[in-house]
């Protein structure tokens, strides 16, 4: 991790979206416990996956606009390497 503080402008938005996705996932857990139709469960899982991907895009954009721009400005190649690794894992 980087030793300097990061400026994140989307923190509240990301936390709210994570809370909604978490609640949705709990609802899916209940659907499984109630032995609901698999098709319904798969559709709801797809909705959660989409929500998670949207959260990732917000975090990615925020990181690029602030942290990576600063890293480039200061020649912080380690930060750029960590960013490349994070993107590769996110896209897996």
N, C-alpha and C. Protein backbone atom coordinates (compact mmCIF):
# COMPACT_ATOMS: atom_id res chain seq x y z
N UNK A 1 0.83 -1.19 0.00
CA UNK A 1 0.00 0.00 0.00
C UNK A 1 0.86 1.24 0.00
N UNK A 2 0.34 2.28 -0.56
CA UNK A 2 1.04 3.55 -0.60
C UNK A 2 1.04 4.18 0.77
N UNK A 3 2.10 4.93 1.06
CA UNK A 3 2.22 5.51 2.38
C UNK A 3 1.56 6.87 2.49
N UNK A 4 1.14 7.47 1.37
CA UNK A 4 0.49 8.77 1.45
C UNK A 4 -1.03 8.59 1.36
N UNK A 5 -1.74 9.58 1.90
CA UNK A 5 -3.19 9.51 1.93
C UNK A 5 -3.75 9.66 0.51
N UNK A 6 -4.82 8.94 0.25
CA UNK A 6 -5.50 9.04 -1.04
C UNK A 6 -6.70 9.95 -0.89
N UNK A 7 -6.99 10.67 -1.94
CA UNK A 7 -8.19 11.50 -1.97
C UNK A 7 -9.24 10.74 -2.77
N UNK A 8 -10.31 10.36 -2.12
CA UNK A 8 -11.40 9.66 -2.79
C UNK A 8 -12.63 10.53 -2.75
N UNK A 9 -13.20 10.81 -3.90
CA UNK A 9 -14.37 11.69 -3.97
C UNK A 9 -15.68 10.92 -4.00
N UNK A 10 -15.62 9.64 -4.22
CA UNK A 10 -16.83 8.83 -4.38
C UNK A 10 -17.09 7.89 -3.20
N UNK A 11 -16.46 8.14 -2.06
CA UNK A 11 -16.57 7.23 -0.92
C UNK A 11 -18.01 6.98 -0.51
N UNK A 12 -18.78 8.04 -0.33
CA UNK A 12 -20.17 7.87 0.12
C UNK A 12 -20.99 7.09 -0.92
N UNK A 13 -20.81 7.41 -2.18
CA UNK A 13 -21.50 6.72 -3.26
C UNK A 13 -21.14 5.23 -3.27
N UNK A 14 -19.87 4.93 -3.14
CA UNK A 14 -19.41 3.53 -3.14
C UNK A 14 -19.98 2.78 -1.94
N UNK A 15 -19.93 3.39 -0.76
CA UNK A 15 -20.45 2.74 0.44
C UNK A 15 -21.95 2.47 0.30
N UNK A 16 -22.70 3.44 -0.21
CA UNK A 16 -24.14 3.25 -0.41
C UNK A 16 -24.42 2.11 -1.38
N UNK A 17 -23.67 2.06 -2.46
CA UNK A 17 -23.87 0.99 -3.45
C UNK A 17 -23.49 -0.37 -2.88
N UNK A 18 -22.43 -0.42 -2.09
CA UNK A 18 -22.04 -1.69 -1.46
C UNK A 18 -23.13 -2.15 -0.50
N UNK A 19 -23.68 -1.22 0.26
CA UNK A 19 -24.76 -1.56 1.19
C UNK A 19 -25.97 -2.14 0.45
N UNK A 20 -26.33 -1.52 -0.67
CA UNK A 20 -27.47 -2.03 -1.46
C UNK A 20 -27.16 -3.41 -2.01
N UNK A 21 -25.96 -3.59 -2.55
CA UNK A 21 -25.58 -4.89 -3.12
C UNK A 21 -25.55 -5.96 -2.02
N UNK A 22 -25.07 -5.59 -0.85
CA UNK A 22 -25.02 -6.52 0.27
C UNK A 22 -26.43 -6.94 0.69
N UNK A 23 -27.34 -5.98 0.75
CA UNK A 23 -28.73 -6.28 1.07
C UNK A 23 -29.36 -7.19 0.03
N UNK A 24 -29.05 -6.92 -1.21
CA UNK A 24 -29.57 -7.73 -2.31
C UNK A 24 -29.02 -9.16 -2.20
N UNK A 25 -27.76 -9.28 -1.86
CA UNK A 25 -27.15 -10.60 -1.71
C UNK A 25 -27.79 -11.38 -0.55
N UNK A 26 -28.11 -10.68 0.53
CA UNK A 26 -28.81 -11.32 1.66
C UNK A 26 -30.18 -11.83 1.21
N UNK A 27 -30.87 -11.03 0.37
CA UNK A 27 -32.17 -11.46 -0.15
C UNK A 27 -32.02 -12.72 -1.00
N UNK A 28 -30.94 -12.80 -1.77
CA UNK A 28 -30.70 -13.99 -2.58
C UNK A 28 -30.43 -15.19 -1.68
N UNK A 29 -29.68 -14.97 -0.61
CA UNK A 29 -29.43 -16.06 0.35
C UNK A 29 -30.75 -16.61 0.87
N UNK A 30 -31.68 -15.72 1.19
CA UNK A 30 -32.98 -16.14 1.67
C UNK A 30 -33.74 -16.92 0.59
N UNK A 31 -33.61 -16.48 -0.66
CA UNK A 31 -34.24 -17.20 -1.76
C UNK A 31 -33.72 -18.63 -1.84
N UNK A 32 -32.41 -18.80 -1.66
CA UNK A 32 -31.81 -20.13 -1.71
C UNK A 32 -32.33 -20.97 -0.54
N UNK A 33 -32.36 -20.36 0.64
CA UNK A 33 -32.86 -21.08 1.82
C UNK A 33 -34.31 -21.51 1.64
N UNK A 34 -35.08 -20.70 0.94
CA UNK A 34 -36.50 -21.00 0.69
C UNK A 34 -36.69 -21.90 -0.52
N UNK A 35 -35.57 -22.33 -1.12
CA UNK A 35 -35.57 -23.20 -2.28
C UNK A 35 -36.40 -22.64 -3.43
N UNK A 36 -36.18 -21.34 -3.68
CA UNK A 36 -36.87 -20.67 -4.80
C UNK A 36 -36.32 -21.18 -6.11
N UNK A 37 -37.00 -20.87 -7.17
CA UNK A 37 -36.63 -21.31 -8.51
C UNK A 37 -35.20 -20.86 -8.86
N UNK A 38 -34.42 -21.78 -9.39
CA UNK A 38 -33.03 -21.49 -9.74
C UNK A 38 -32.91 -20.36 -10.76
N UNK A 39 -33.83 -20.30 -11.69
CA UNK A 39 -33.80 -19.23 -12.69
C UNK A 39 -33.92 -17.86 -12.04
N UNK A 40 -34.82 -17.74 -11.06
CA UNK A 40 -34.98 -16.48 -10.33
C UNK A 40 -33.69 -16.11 -9.59
N UNK A 41 -33.08 -17.11 -8.97
CA UNK A 41 -31.84 -16.88 -8.22
C UNK A 41 -30.73 -16.42 -9.16
N UNK A 42 -30.60 -17.08 -10.30
CA UNK A 42 -29.56 -16.70 -11.27
C UNK A 42 -29.76 -15.28 -11.77
N UNK A 43 -31.00 -14.89 -12.01
CA UNK A 43 -31.28 -13.52 -12.46
C UNK A 43 -30.86 -12.52 -11.38
N UNK A 44 -31.17 -12.83 -10.14
CA UNK A 44 -30.80 -11.92 -9.05
C UNK A 44 -29.29 -11.88 -8.84
N UNK A 45 -28.62 -13.02 -9.01
CA UNK A 45 -27.16 -13.04 -8.93
C UNK A 45 -26.54 -12.19 -10.04
N UNK A 46 -27.13 -12.23 -11.22
CA UNK A 46 -26.63 -11.40 -12.32
C UNK A 46 -26.78 -9.92 -11.97
N UNK A 47 -27.87 -9.56 -11.30
CA UNK A 47 -28.08 -8.17 -10.90
C UNK A 47 -27.01 -7.73 -9.89
N UNK A 48 -26.68 -8.61 -8.95
CA UNK A 48 -25.64 -8.29 -7.96
C UNK A 48 -24.29 -8.17 -8.64
N UNK A 49 -23.99 -9.07 -9.56
CA UNK A 49 -22.73 -9.00 -10.29
C UNK A 49 -22.62 -7.68 -11.05
N UNK A 50 -23.70 -7.26 -11.67
CA UNK A 50 -23.72 -5.99 -12.39
C UNK A 50 -23.49 -4.82 -11.43
N UNK A 51 -24.11 -4.88 -10.27
CA UNK A 51 -23.93 -3.83 -9.26
C UNK A 51 -22.48 -3.77 -8.80
N UNK A 52 -21.87 -4.92 -8.58
CA UNK A 52 -20.47 -4.98 -8.15
C UNK A 52 -19.56 -4.41 -9.25
N UNK A 53 -19.84 -4.76 -10.50
CA UNK A 53 -19.04 -4.22 -11.61
C UNK A 53 -19.17 -2.70 -11.68
N UNK A 54 -20.37 -2.18 -11.45
CA UNK A 54 -20.57 -0.73 -11.45
C UNK A 54 -19.78 -0.06 -10.33
N UNK A 55 -19.76 -0.68 -9.18
CA UNK A 55 -18.98 -0.16 -8.06
C UNK A 55 -17.50 -0.14 -8.44
N UNK A 56 -17.04 -1.22 -9.06
CA UNK A 56 -15.65 -1.29 -9.50
C UNK A 56 -15.30 -0.18 -10.48
N UNK A 57 -16.20 0.13 -11.38
CA UNK A 57 -15.96 1.20 -12.36
C UNK A 57 -15.84 2.55 -11.66
N UNK A 58 -16.66 2.77 -10.65
CA UNK A 58 -16.59 4.04 -9.91
C UNK A 58 -15.26 4.14 -9.18
N UNK A 59 -14.87 3.06 -8.50
CA UNK A 59 -13.59 3.06 -7.78
C UNK A 59 -12.44 3.24 -8.76
N UNK A 60 -12.50 2.56 -9.87
CA UNK A 60 -11.45 2.67 -10.90
C UNK A 60 -11.32 4.11 -11.40
N UNK A 61 -12.44 4.72 -11.76
CA UNK A 61 -12.40 6.10 -12.27
C UNK A 61 -11.87 7.06 -11.21
N UNK A 62 -12.32 6.89 -9.97
CA UNK A 62 -11.87 7.75 -8.88
C UNK A 62 -10.37 7.58 -8.66
N UNK A 63 -9.92 6.34 -8.71
CA UNK A 63 -8.50 6.06 -8.50
C UNK A 63 -7.66 6.68 -9.63
N UNK A 64 -8.12 6.54 -10.85
CA UNK A 64 -7.38 7.11 -11.98
C UNK A 64 -7.32 8.63 -11.89
N UNK A 65 -8.43 9.25 -11.55
CA UNK A 65 -8.50 10.72 -11.51
C UNK A 65 -7.63 11.32 -10.41
N UNK A 66 -7.47 10.60 -9.32
CA UNK A 66 -6.75 11.16 -8.19
C UNK A 66 -5.42 10.48 -7.92
N UNK A 67 -5.48 9.22 -7.56
CA UNK A 67 -4.27 8.51 -7.13
C UNK A 67 -3.28 8.29 -8.28
N UNK A 68 -3.76 7.84 -9.41
CA UNK A 68 -2.87 7.55 -10.53
C UNK A 68 -2.34 8.83 -11.15
N UNK A 69 -3.18 9.84 -11.25
CA UNK A 69 -2.71 11.12 -11.77
C UNK A 69 -1.56 11.64 -10.90
N UNK A 70 -1.71 11.51 -9.59
CA UNK A 70 -0.66 11.95 -8.67
C UNK A 70 0.59 11.08 -8.81
N UNK A 71 0.40 9.78 -8.97
CA UNK A 71 1.54 8.87 -9.12
C UNK A 71 2.33 9.20 -10.38
N UNK A 72 1.63 9.48 -11.47
CA UNK A 72 2.31 9.85 -12.72
C UNK A 72 3.08 11.14 -12.53
N UNK A 73 2.44 12.10 -11.88
CA UNK A 73 3.06 13.40 -11.63
C UNK A 73 4.35 13.27 -10.83
N UNK A 74 4.36 12.30 -9.89
CA UNK A 74 5.53 12.12 -9.02
C UNK A 74 6.44 10.97 -9.47
N UNK A 75 6.14 10.36 -10.62
CA UNK A 75 6.98 9.27 -11.12
C UNK A 75 6.95 8.04 -10.24
N UNK A 76 5.83 7.79 -9.59
CA UNK A 76 5.68 6.65 -8.68
C UNK A 76 5.34 5.39 -9.49
N UNK A 77 6.38 4.71 -9.95
CA UNK A 77 6.19 3.52 -10.78
C UNK A 77 5.61 2.36 -10.00
N UNK A 78 5.87 2.28 -8.70
CA UNK A 78 5.29 1.22 -7.88
C UNK A 78 3.77 1.33 -7.85
N UNK A 79 3.26 2.56 -7.72
CA UNK A 79 1.81 2.78 -7.71
C UNK A 79 1.21 2.35 -9.04
N UNK A 80 1.90 2.65 -10.13
CA UNK A 80 1.40 2.26 -11.45
C UNK A 80 1.41 0.74 -11.61
N UNK A 81 2.44 0.08 -11.09
CA UNK A 81 2.49 -1.39 -11.14
C UNK A 81 1.35 -2.00 -10.32
N UNK A 82 1.11 -1.45 -9.12
CA UNK A 82 0.01 -1.94 -8.28
C UNK A 82 -1.33 -1.73 -8.98
N UNK A 83 -1.46 -0.61 -9.66
CA UNK A 83 -2.69 -0.32 -10.39
C UNK A 83 -2.91 -1.32 -11.51
N UNK A 84 -1.86 -1.63 -12.27
CA UNK A 84 -1.96 -2.63 -13.32
C UNK A 84 -2.35 -3.99 -12.77
N UNK A 85 -1.77 -4.38 -11.63
CA UNK A 85 -2.12 -5.65 -10.99
C UNK A 85 -3.58 -5.65 -10.56
N UNK A 86 -4.04 -4.54 -9.98
CA UNK A 86 -5.42 -4.44 -9.52
C UNK A 86 -6.40 -4.54 -10.69
N UNK A 87 -6.08 -3.88 -11.79
CA UNK A 87 -6.94 -3.94 -12.98
C UNK A 87 -7.02 -5.39 -13.49
N UNK A 88 -5.88 -6.06 -13.55
CA UNK A 88 -5.85 -7.43 -14.04
C UNK A 88 -6.72 -8.33 -13.15
N UNK A 89 -6.64 -8.16 -11.85
CA UNK A 89 -7.45 -8.98 -10.94
C UNK A 89 -8.93 -8.62 -11.05
N UNK A 90 -9.24 -7.34 -11.20
CA UNK A 90 -10.64 -6.92 -11.32
C UNK A 90 -11.28 -7.47 -12.58
N UNK A 91 -10.51 -7.52 -13.66
CA UNK A 91 -11.05 -7.98 -14.94
C UNK A 91 -11.09 -9.50 -15.08
N UNK A 92 -10.51 -10.22 -14.16
CA UNK A 92 -10.51 -11.69 -14.21
C UNK A 92 -11.90 -12.25 -14.14
